[in-house]
Amino acid sequence: MGQQSDQETEVEQPEWLKNYTPAPGPTRGNPNWHKGMKSPNPSGKPADFGVARTKITRLLLDNAGGILEKQIAKALEGDSAAAQLVLSRVIAPLKSDSGRVKFDFDASLPISAQVERVLEAVATGKVSPEVGQQIVGAISNLASVRATEELEQRIVMLESKAVNG
């Protein structure tokens, strides 16, 4: 690692950006009030600000055991909404398990041909639609990586032409 300089590097702006001034952002508060004027809220935040929420939270926490017992009793009586609420807090929701999928992958094919193969596999039932979507997403990621590599190669080629040309 090299030594850091105490001087900041000044960034030179391009010609087309020299006269640019960014638009002012939104201002906070009352736009008609300025420093030194009488406060529009001289008494400040009310003393009971947020108290209602605190009271409700405290009330729920104090009665949580009773609420839970009541919900469980309703669930046992056959109330499906109560059962769903209780079970959603006890058991983690199930996630689909796609398992492993084996398929022929030819990375040299064009991206569109690769996606067509996946769609054929979905259409014939060899692969579930969810797995097909994941594979197409992976192919899309591969396409963006390839595009980045191709752009990098083009830039290197153009720079070498500019230096040698």
N, C-alpha and C. Protein backbone atom coordinates (compact mmCIF):
# COMPACT_ATOMS: atom_id res chain seq x y z
N MET A 1 0.83 -1.18 0.00
CA MET A 1 0.00 0.00 0.00
C MET A 1 0.87 1.24 0.00
N GLY A 2 0.48 2.21 -0.75
CA GLY A 2 1.23 3.46 -0.83
C GLY A 2 0.88 4.39 0.30
N GLN A 3 1.67 5.46 0.43
CA GLN A 3 1.40 6.44 1.47
C GLN A 3 0.24 7.32 1.04
N GLN A 4 -0.54 7.74 2.05
CA GLN A 4 -1.64 8.63 1.75
C GLN A 4 -1.15 10.06 1.81
N SER A 5 -1.61 10.86 0.90
CA SER A 5 -1.22 12.26 0.85
C SER A 5 -2.17 13.08 1.70
N ASP A 6 -1.65 14.17 2.29
CA ASP A 6 -2.49 15.07 3.08
C ASP A 6 -3.35 15.94 2.18
N GLN A 7 -2.97 16.06 0.92
CA GLN A 7 -3.73 16.90 0.00
C GLN A 7 -4.84 16.08 -0.63
N GLU A 8 -6.01 16.72 -0.77
CA GLU A 8 -7.12 16.05 -1.44
C GLU A 8 -6.96 16.19 -2.94
N THR A 9 -7.36 15.18 -3.65
CA THR A 9 -7.32 15.23 -5.10
C THR A 9 -8.55 15.98 -5.58
N GLU A 10 -8.33 17.02 -6.37
CA GLU A 10 -9.46 17.80 -6.87
C GLU A 10 -10.00 17.13 -8.12
N VAL A 11 -11.31 16.95 -8.14
CA VAL A 11 -11.95 16.32 -9.28
C VAL A 11 -12.31 17.40 -10.28
N GLU A 12 -11.84 17.23 -11.49
CA GLU A 12 -12.15 18.21 -12.53
C GLU A 12 -13.44 17.80 -13.22
N GLN A 13 -14.39 18.73 -13.26
CA GLN A 13 -15.68 18.43 -13.87
C GLN A 13 -15.60 18.58 -15.37
N PRO A 14 -16.36 17.77 -16.10
CA PRO A 14 -16.38 17.91 -17.56
C PRO A 14 -17.01 19.24 -17.96
N GLU A 15 -16.73 19.67 -19.16
CA GLU A 15 -17.20 20.97 -19.65
C GLU A 15 -18.71 21.11 -19.57
N TRP A 16 -19.44 20.07 -19.93
CA TRP A 16 -20.89 20.15 -19.96
C TRP A 16 -21.50 20.23 -18.57
N LEU A 17 -20.70 19.98 -17.52
CA LEU A 17 -21.23 19.97 -16.16
C LEU A 17 -20.78 21.19 -15.36
N LYS A 18 -19.98 22.09 -15.96
CA LYS A 18 -19.41 23.20 -15.21
C LYS A 18 -20.45 24.18 -14.69
N ASN A 19 -21.50 24.46 -15.43
CA ASN A 19 -22.51 25.43 -15.00
C ASN A 19 -23.71 24.78 -14.32
N TYR A 20 -23.61 23.51 -14.01
CA TYR A 20 -24.73 22.79 -13.40
C TYR A 20 -24.81 23.08 -11.91
N THR A 21 -25.99 23.40 -11.46
CA THR A 21 -26.24 23.51 -10.01
C THR A 21 -27.44 22.63 -9.70
N PRO A 22 -27.30 21.73 -8.75
CA PRO A 22 -28.40 20.82 -8.45
C PRO A 22 -29.61 21.58 -7.91
N ALA A 23 -30.79 21.06 -8.21
CA ALA A 23 -32.02 21.67 -7.72
C ALA A 23 -32.08 21.51 -6.20
N PRO A 24 -32.59 22.53 -5.51
CA PRO A 24 -32.67 22.40 -4.05
C PRO A 24 -33.65 21.31 -3.67
N GLY A 25 -33.30 20.56 -2.65
CA GLY A 25 -34.15 19.47 -2.18
C GLY A 25 -35.31 20.01 -1.37
N PRO A 26 -36.19 19.13 -0.97
CA PRO A 26 -37.33 19.56 -0.17
C PRO A 26 -36.86 20.08 1.19
N THR A 27 -37.51 21.14 1.66
CA THR A 27 -37.14 21.72 2.94
C THR A 27 -38.00 21.12 4.04
N ARG A 28 -37.45 21.05 5.23
CA ARG A 28 -38.19 20.51 6.37
C ARG A 28 -38.92 21.63 7.08
N GLY A 29 -40.02 21.28 7.68
CA GLY A 29 -40.74 22.24 8.52
C GLY A 29 -41.55 23.24 7.74
N ASN A 30 -41.92 24.30 8.41
CA ASN A 30 -42.76 25.35 7.84
C ASN A 30 -41.88 26.27 6.99
N PRO A 31 -42.16 26.39 5.69
CA PRO A 31 -41.32 27.23 4.83
C PRO A 31 -41.46 28.72 5.15
N ASN A 32 -42.52 29.12 5.86
CA ASN A 32 -42.73 30.53 6.19
C ASN A 32 -42.04 30.93 7.49
N TRP A 33 -41.49 29.97 8.24
CA TRP A 33 -40.83 30.26 9.50
C TRP A 33 -39.32 30.32 9.27
N HIS A 34 -38.68 31.35 9.84
CA HIS A 34 -37.23 31.50 9.71
C HIS A 34 -36.62 31.66 11.09
N LYS A 35 -35.35 31.34 11.20
CA LYS A 35 -34.64 31.44 12.46
C LYS A 35 -34.75 32.85 13.00
N GLY A 36 -35.05 32.97 14.29
CA GLY A 36 -35.20 34.27 14.93
C GLY A 36 -36.66 34.65 15.12
N MET A 37 -37.57 34.01 14.38
CA MET A 37 -38.99 34.28 14.53
C MET A 37 -39.53 33.53 15.75
N LYS A 38 -40.72 33.93 16.21
CA LYS A 38 -41.36 33.24 17.32
C LYS A 38 -41.68 31.81 16.89
N SER A 39 -41.47 30.85 17.76
CA SER A 39 -41.71 29.45 17.44
C SER A 39 -43.18 29.20 17.15
N PRO A 40 -43.48 28.44 16.10
CA PRO A 40 -44.87 28.11 15.83
C PRO A 40 -45.43 27.10 16.83
N ASN A 41 -44.56 26.48 17.62
CA ASN A 41 -44.99 25.52 18.64
C ASN A 41 -44.25 25.84 19.93
N PRO A 42 -44.63 26.95 20.61
CA PRO A 42 -43.86 27.40 21.77
C PRO A 42 -43.85 26.42 22.93
N SER A 43 -44.90 25.62 23.08
CA SER A 43 -44.92 24.71 24.22
C SER A 43 -44.25 23.37 23.90
N GLY A 44 -43.79 23.19 22.68
CA GLY A 44 -43.07 21.97 22.32
C GLY A 44 -43.99 20.79 22.14
N LYS A 45 -43.41 19.61 22.17
CA LYS A 45 -44.18 18.39 22.00
C LYS A 45 -45.10 18.20 23.19
N PRO A 46 -46.37 17.79 22.97
CA PRO A 46 -47.28 17.60 24.09
C PRO A 46 -46.76 16.54 25.05
N ALA A 47 -47.08 16.71 26.33
CA ALA A 47 -46.59 15.79 27.36
C ALA A 47 -47.13 14.38 27.15
N ASP A 48 -48.33 14.26 26.61
CA ASP A 48 -48.91 12.94 26.43
C ASP A 48 -48.66 12.37 25.03
N PHE A 49 -47.66 12.89 24.34
CA PHE A 49 -47.34 12.42 22.99
C PHE A 49 -46.88 10.96 23.06
N GLY A 50 -47.55 10.07 22.33
CA GLY A 50 -47.18 8.66 22.29
C GLY A 50 -47.68 7.85 23.46
N VAL A 51 -48.43 8.46 24.37
CA VAL A 51 -48.88 7.75 25.57
C VAL A 51 -49.91 6.69 25.22
N ALA A 52 -50.80 6.98 24.26
CA ALA A 52 -51.84 6.02 23.90
C ALA A 52 -51.23 4.71 23.42
N ARG A 53 -50.21 4.79 22.59
CA ARG A 53 -49.55 3.58 22.10
C ARG A 53 -48.90 2.83 23.25
N THR A 54 -48.28 3.56 24.15
CA THR A 54 -47.64 2.93 25.30
C THR A 54 -48.67 2.24 26.18
N LYS A 55 -49.81 2.89 26.39
CA LYS A 55 -50.87 2.30 27.22
C LYS A 55 -51.39 1.01 26.59
N ILE A 56 -51.62 1.04 25.28
CA ILE A 56 -52.13 -0.15 24.60
C ILE A 56 -51.12 -1.28 24.67
N THR A 57 -49.86 -0.97 24.44
CA THR A 57 -48.81 -2.00 24.50
C THR A 57 -48.73 -2.60 25.89
N ARG A 58 -48.76 -1.75 26.91
CA ARG A 58 -48.69 -2.24 28.29
C ARG A 58 -49.90 -3.13 28.60
N LEU A 59 -51.08 -2.71 28.16
CA LEU A 59 -52.30 -3.48 28.40
C LEU A 59 -52.22 -4.85 27.72
N LEU A 60 -51.73 -4.87 26.48
CA LEU A 60 -51.59 -6.15 25.78
C LEU A 60 -50.57 -7.06 26.46
N LEU A 61 -49.45 -6.49 26.89
CA LEU A 61 -48.43 -7.30 27.55
C LEU A 61 -48.92 -7.84 28.88
N ASP A 62 -49.67 -7.02 29.62
CA ASP A 62 -50.19 -7.47 30.92
C ASP A 62 -51.18 -8.61 30.76
N ASN A 63 -51.93 -8.62 29.65
CA ASN A 63 -52.98 -9.62 29.45
C ASN A 63 -52.61 -10.67 28.40
N ALA A 64 -51.34 -10.73 28.02
CA ALA A 64 -50.92 -11.65 26.95
C ALA A 64 -51.25 -13.10 27.27
N GLY A 65 -51.05 -13.52 28.50
CA GLY A 65 -51.34 -14.90 28.88
C GLY A 65 -52.81 -15.25 28.69
N GLY A 66 -53.70 -14.36 29.16
CA GLY A 66 -55.13 -14.60 29.01
C GLY A 66 -55.57 -14.59 27.56
N ILE A 67 -55.01 -13.67 26.78
CA ILE A 67 -55.34 -13.60 25.35
C ILE A 67 -54.93 -14.90 24.66
N LEU A 68 -53.74 -15.38 24.98
CA LEU A 68 -53.24 -16.61 24.38
C LEU A 68 -54.13 -17.79 24.75
N GLU A 69 -54.49 -17.89 26.03
CA GLU A 69 -55.36 -19.00 26.46
C GLU A 69 -56.70 -18.96 25.73
N LYS A 70 -57.26 -17.76 25.57
CA LYS A 70 -58.55 -17.61 24.88
C LYS A 70 -58.43 -18.03 23.42
N GLN A 71 -57.34 -17.63 22.75
CA GLN A 71 -57.14 -18.00 21.35
C GLN A 71 -56.98 -19.52 21.20
N ILE A 72 -56.24 -20.12 22.11
CA ILE A 72 -56.05 -21.57 22.06
C ILE A 72 -57.38 -22.28 22.28
N ALA A 73 -58.17 -21.79 23.24
CA ALA A 73 -59.49 -22.39 23.50
C ALA A 73 -60.38 -22.28 22.26
N LYS A 74 -60.38 -21.13 21.60
CA LYS A 74 -61.19 -20.96 20.39
C LYS A 74 -60.70 -21.90 19.29
N ALA A 75 -59.38 -22.04 19.18
CA ALA A 75 -58.82 -22.93 18.16
C ALA A 75 -59.24 -24.37 18.42
N LEU A 76 -59.24 -24.78 19.68
CA LEU A 76 -59.65 -26.14 20.03
C LEU A 76 -61.14 -26.36 19.81
N GLU A 77 -61.93 -25.29 19.87
CA GLU A 77 -63.37 -25.40 19.62
C GLU A 77 -63.67 -25.48 18.13
N GLY A 78 -62.67 -25.21 17.28
CA GLY A 78 -62.88 -25.34 15.85
C GLY A 78 -62.80 -24.04 15.08
N ASP A 79 -62.46 -22.94 15.73
CA ASP A 79 -62.33 -21.65 15.04
C ASP A 79 -61.04 -21.69 14.20
N SER A 80 -61.21 -21.75 12.88
CA SER A 80 -60.04 -21.91 12.01
C SER A 80 -59.15 -20.67 12.01
N ALA A 81 -59.73 -19.48 12.15
CA ALA A 81 -58.91 -18.26 12.18
C ALA A 81 -58.03 -18.26 13.43
N ALA A 82 -58.61 -18.66 14.56
CA ALA A 82 -57.84 -18.72 15.81
C ALA A 82 -56.75 -19.78 15.70
N ALA A 83 -57.10 -20.93 15.10
CA ALA A 83 -56.11 -21.99 14.93
C ALA A 83 -54.97 -21.53 14.04
N GLN A 84 -55.31 -20.83 12.97
CA GLN A 84 -54.27 -20.34 12.06
C GLN A 84 -53.36 -19.36 12.77
N LEU A 85 -53.94 -18.46 13.57
CA LEU A 85 -53.15 -17.48 14.31
C LEU A 85 -52.21 -18.17 15.29
N VAL A 86 -52.73 -19.13 16.05
CA VAL A 86 -51.90 -19.83 17.04
C VAL A 86 -50.80 -20.62 16.35
N LEU A 87 -51.17 -21.38 15.31
CA LEU A 87 -50.17 -22.21 14.63
C LEU A 87 -49.12 -21.38 13.90
N SER A 88 -49.51 -20.20 13.40
CA SER A 88 -48.53 -19.37 12.70
C SER A 88 -47.44 -18.86 13.65
N ARG A 89 -47.76 -18.82 14.94
CA ARG A 89 -46.77 -18.37 15.92
C ARG A 89 -45.96 -19.53 16.50
N VAL A 90 -46.44 -20.75 16.29
CA VAL A 90 -45.79 -21.92 16.87
C VAL A 90 -44.93 -22.64 15.84
N ILE A 91 -45.48 -22.81 14.63
CA ILE A 91 -44.80 -23.58 13.58
C ILE A 91 -44.37 -22.64 12.46
N ALA A 92 -43.13 -22.77 12.04
CA ALA A 92 -42.63 -21.95 10.93
C ALA A 92 -43.37 -22.33 9.65
N PRO A 93 -43.63 -21.35 8.79
CA PRO A 93 -44.33 -21.67 7.54
C PRO A 93 -43.48 -22.59 6.66
N LEU A 94 -44.14 -23.49 5.96
CA LEU A 94 -43.44 -24.43 5.10
C LEU A 94 -42.93 -23.72 3.86
N LYS A 95 -41.74 -24.10 3.46
CA LYS A 95 -41.17 -23.58 2.23
C LYS A 95 -41.12 -24.71 1.23
N SER A 96 -41.30 -24.37 -0.02
CA SER A 96 -41.27 -25.42 -1.03
C SER A 96 -39.86 -25.99 -1.13
N ASP A 97 -39.80 -27.29 -1.25
CA ASP A 97 -38.52 -27.98 -1.40
C ASP A 97 -38.46 -28.55 -2.80
N SER A 98 -37.63 -27.97 -3.62
CA SER A 98 -37.59 -28.39 -5.01
C SER A 98 -36.70 -29.60 -5.22
N GLY A 99 -35.83 -29.89 -4.29
CA GLY A 99 -34.91 -30.99 -4.49
C GLY A 99 -33.85 -30.63 -5.52
N ARG A 100 -33.05 -31.60 -5.85
CA ARG A 100 -32.00 -31.36 -6.84
C ARG A 100 -32.52 -31.71 -8.22
N VAL A 101 -32.04 -30.95 -9.19
CA VAL A 101 -32.45 -31.16 -10.58
C VAL A 101 -31.19 -31.36 -11.41
N LYS A 102 -31.20 -32.40 -12.24
CA LYS A 102 -30.07 -32.64 -13.15
C LYS A 102 -30.56 -32.37 -14.56
N PHE A 103 -29.77 -31.63 -15.31
CA PHE A 103 -30.13 -31.33 -16.69
C PHE A 103 -28.86 -31.03 -17.46
N ASP A 104 -28.96 -31.17 -18.78
CA ASP A 104 -27.82 -30.85 -19.65
C ASP A 104 -27.75 -29.35 -19.82
N PHE A 105 -26.57 -28.81 -19.56
CA PHE A 105 -26.38 -27.37 -19.69
C PHE A 105 -25.22 -27.12 -20.63
N ASP A 106 -25.49 -26.44 -21.71
CA ASP A 106 -24.46 -26.10 -22.69
C ASP A 106 -24.24 -24.59 -22.62
N ALA A 107 -23.19 -24.19 -21.93
CA ALA A 107 -22.92 -22.76 -21.72
C ALA A 107 -22.52 -22.06 -23.01
N SER A 108 -22.14 -22.82 -24.04
CA SER A 108 -21.73 -22.18 -25.29
C SER A 108 -22.93 -21.75 -26.13
N LEU A 109 -24.12 -22.26 -25.81
CA LEU A 109 -25.32 -21.86 -26.55
C LEU A 109 -25.67 -20.41 -26.27
N PRO A 110 -26.36 -19.76 -27.20
CA PRO A 110 -26.85 -18.41 -26.92
C PRO A 110 -27.84 -18.45 -25.74
N ILE A 111 -27.96 -17.34 -25.06
CA ILE A 111 -28.82 -17.26 -23.88
C ILE A 111 -30.26 -17.65 -24.22
N SER A 112 -30.76 -17.17 -25.34
CA SER A 112 -32.15 -17.47 -25.71
C SER A 112 -32.36 -18.98 -25.89
N ALA A 113 -31.38 -19.67 -26.45
CA ALA A 113 -31.49 -21.13 -26.63
C ALA A 113 -31.48 -21.85 -25.28
N GLN A 114 -30.68 -21.35 -24.35
CA GLN A 114 -30.64 -21.95 -23.02
C GLN A 114 -31.99 -21.80 -22.32
N VAL A 115 -32.58 -20.61 -22.42
CA VAL A 115 -33.88 -20.37 -21.80
C VAL A 115 -34.95 -21.23 -22.47
N GLU A 116 -34.88 -21.38 -23.80
CA GLU A 116 -35.83 -22.23 -24.52
C GLU A 116 -35.77 -23.66 -24.01
N ARG A 117 -34.57 -24.17 -23.75
CA ARG A 117 -34.43 -25.54 -23.23
C ARG A 117 -35.09 -25.67 -21.86
N VAL A 118 -34.93 -24.66 -21.02
CA VAL A 118 -35.55 -24.70 -19.69
C VAL A 118 -37.07 -24.68 -19.84
N LEU A 119 -37.59 -23.83 -20.72
CA LEU A 119 -39.04 -23.75 -20.92
C LEU A 119 -39.59 -25.07 -21.46
N GLU A 120 -38.84 -25.74 -22.33
CA GLU A 120 -39.26 -27.05 -22.82
C GLU A 120 -39.33 -28.05 -21.67
N ALA A 121 -38.33 -28.01 -20.78
CA ALA A 121 -38.32 -28.91 -19.63
C ALA A 121 -39.51 -28.65 -18.71
N VAL A 122 -39.87 -27.39 -18.53
CA VAL A 122 -41.04 -27.05 -17.72
C VAL A 122 -42.30 -27.53 -18.41
N ALA A 123 -42.39 -27.31 -19.72
CA ALA A 123 -43.59 -27.68 -20.47
C ALA A 123 -43.81 -29.19 -20.49
N THR A 124 -42.73 -29.97 -20.51
CA THR A 124 -42.87 -31.43 -20.53
C THR A 124 -42.96 -32.03 -19.14
N GLY A 125 -42.85 -31.20 -18.11
CA GLY A 125 -42.99 -31.69 -16.74
C GLY A 125 -41.72 -32.25 -16.13
N LYS A 126 -40.60 -32.10 -16.81
CA LYS A 126 -39.33 -32.59 -16.26
C LYS A 126 -38.86 -31.72 -15.10
N VAL A 127 -39.25 -30.44 -15.13
CA VAL A 127 -38.85 -29.48 -14.11
C VAL A 127 -40.09 -28.70 -13.70
N SER A 128 -40.22 -28.42 -12.40
CA SER A 128 -41.37 -27.64 -11.92
C SER A 128 -41.22 -26.19 -12.37
N PRO A 129 -42.33 -25.46 -12.47
CA PRO A 129 -42.24 -24.05 -12.88
C PRO A 129 -41.36 -23.21 -11.95
N GLU A 130 -41.41 -23.50 -10.64
CA GLU A 130 -40.59 -22.73 -9.69
C GLU A 130 -39.10 -22.96 -9.95
N VAL A 131 -38.74 -24.22 -10.16
CA VAL A 131 -37.33 -24.53 -10.44
C VAL A 131 -36.93 -23.94 -11.78
N GLY A 132 -37.82 -24.02 -12.77
CA GLY A 132 -37.54 -23.42 -14.07
C GLY A 132 -37.27 -21.93 -13.95
N GLN A 133 -38.06 -21.27 -13.12
CA GLN A 133 -37.88 -19.83 -12.91
C GLN A 133 -36.51 -19.55 -12.28
N GLN A 134 -36.11 -20.39 -11.33
CA GLN A 134 -34.80 -20.22 -10.70
C GLN A 134 -33.67 -20.43 -11.71
N ILE A 135 -33.83 -21.43 -12.56
CA ILE A 135 -32.79 -21.70 -13.57
C ILE A 135 -32.70 -20.55 -14.56
N VAL A 136 -33.86 -20.04 -15.01
CA VAL A 136 -33.86 -18.91 -15.94
C VAL A 136 -33.21 -17.70 -15.27
N GLY A 137 -33.45 -17.50 -13.97
CA GLY A 137 -32.80 -16.41 -13.24
C GLY A 137 -31.29 -16.57 -13.23
N ALA A 138 -30.83 -17.81 -13.03
CA ALA A 138 -29.39 -18.07 -13.04
C ALA A 138 -28.81 -17.81 -14.43
N ILE A 139 -29.54 -18.20 -15.46
CA ILE A 139 -29.08 -17.95 -16.83
C ILE A 139 -29.03 -16.45 -17.09
N SER A 140 -30.01 -15.72 -16.57
CA SER A 140 -30.02 -14.26 -16.72
C SER A 140 -28.81 -13.64 -16.04
N ASN A 141 -28.46 -14.14 -14.87
CA ASN A 141 -27.26 -13.65 -14.18
C ASN A 141 -26.01 -13.94 -15.01
N LEU A 142 -25.96 -15.12 -15.60
CA LEU A 142 -24.83 -15.47 -16.46
C LEU A 142 -24.76 -14.51 -17.65
N ALA A 143 -25.91 -14.17 -18.21
CA ALA A 143 -25.94 -13.25 -19.36
C ALA A 143 -25.40 -11.88 -18.97
N SER A 144 -25.76 -11.40 -17.78
CA SER A 144 -25.25 -10.08 -17.37
C SER A 144 -23.75 -10.12 -17.11
N VAL A 145 -23.25 -11.23 -16.58
CA VAL A 145 -21.80 -11.36 -16.37
C VAL A 145 -21.09 -11.38 -17.72
N ARG A 146 -21.65 -12.12 -18.68
CA ARG A 146 -21.06 -12.16 -20.02
C ARG A 146 -21.05 -10.77 -20.66
N ALA A 147 -22.15 -10.04 -20.50
CA ALA A 147 -22.23 -8.69 -21.08
C ALA A 147 -21.18 -7.79 -20.47
N THR A 148 -20.97 -7.90 -19.16
CA THR A 148 -19.95 -7.09 -18.49
C THR A 148 -18.56 -7.45 -19.00
N GLU A 149 -18.29 -8.74 -19.14
CA GLU A 149 -16.99 -9.16 -19.66
C GLU A 149 -16.77 -8.66 -21.08
N GLU A 150 -17.82 -8.73 -21.90
CA GLU A 150 -17.72 -8.28 -23.29
C GLU A 150 -17.45 -6.78 -23.35
N LEU A 151 -18.13 -6.01 -22.51
CA LEU A 151 -17.88 -4.56 -22.47
C LEU A 151 -16.46 -4.26 -22.03
N GLU A 152 -15.98 -5.01 -21.04
CA GLU A 152 -14.62 -4.81 -20.57
C GLU A 152 -13.61 -5.08 -21.69
N GLN A 153 -13.83 -6.15 -22.44
CA GLN A 153 -12.94 -6.47 -23.56
C GLN A 153 -12.97 -5.37 -24.61
N ARG A 154 -14.16 -4.85 -24.91
CA ARG A 154 -14.27 -3.78 -25.90
C ARG A 154 -13.55 -2.52 -25.43
N ILE A 155 -13.68 -2.20 -24.16
CA ILE A 155 -13.01 -1.00 -23.62
C ILE A 155 -11.50 -1.16 -23.72
N VAL A 156 -11.00 -2.34 -23.33
CA VAL A 156 -9.56 -2.59 -23.40
C VAL A 156 -9.08 -2.47 -24.85
N MET A 157 -9.86 -3.01 -25.78
CA MET A 157 -9.49 -2.93 -27.19
C MET A 157 -9.46 -1.48 -27.68
N LEU A 158 -10.49 -0.71 -27.31
CA LEU A 158 -10.54 0.70 -27.72
C LEU A 158 -9.39 1.50 -27.10
N GLU A 159 -9.07 1.22 -25.84
CA GLU A 159 -7.97 1.93 -25.19
C GLU A 159 -6.64 1.59 -25.85
N SER A 160 -6.46 0.33 -26.22
CA SER A 160 -5.20 -0.04 -26.87
C SER A 160 -5.10 0.59 -28.26
N LYS A 161 -6.22 0.72 -28.97
CA LYS A 161 -6.22 1.40 -30.26
C LYS A 161 -5.89 2.88 -30.09
N ALA A 162 -6.43 3.50 -29.04
CA ALA A 162 -6.19 4.93 -28.80
C ALA A 162 -4.72 5.17 -28.45
N VAL A 163 -4.11 4.27 -27.69
CA VAL A 163 -2.71 4.43 -27.30
C VAL A 163 -1.80 4.16 -28.49
N ASN A 164 -2.09 3.13 -29.25
CA ASN A 164 -1.24 2.73 -30.38
C ASN A 164 -1.58 3.47 -31.67
N GLY A 165 -2.81 4.02 -31.73
CA GLY A 165 -3.31 4.56 -32.97
C GLY A 165 -2.87 5.93 -33.27
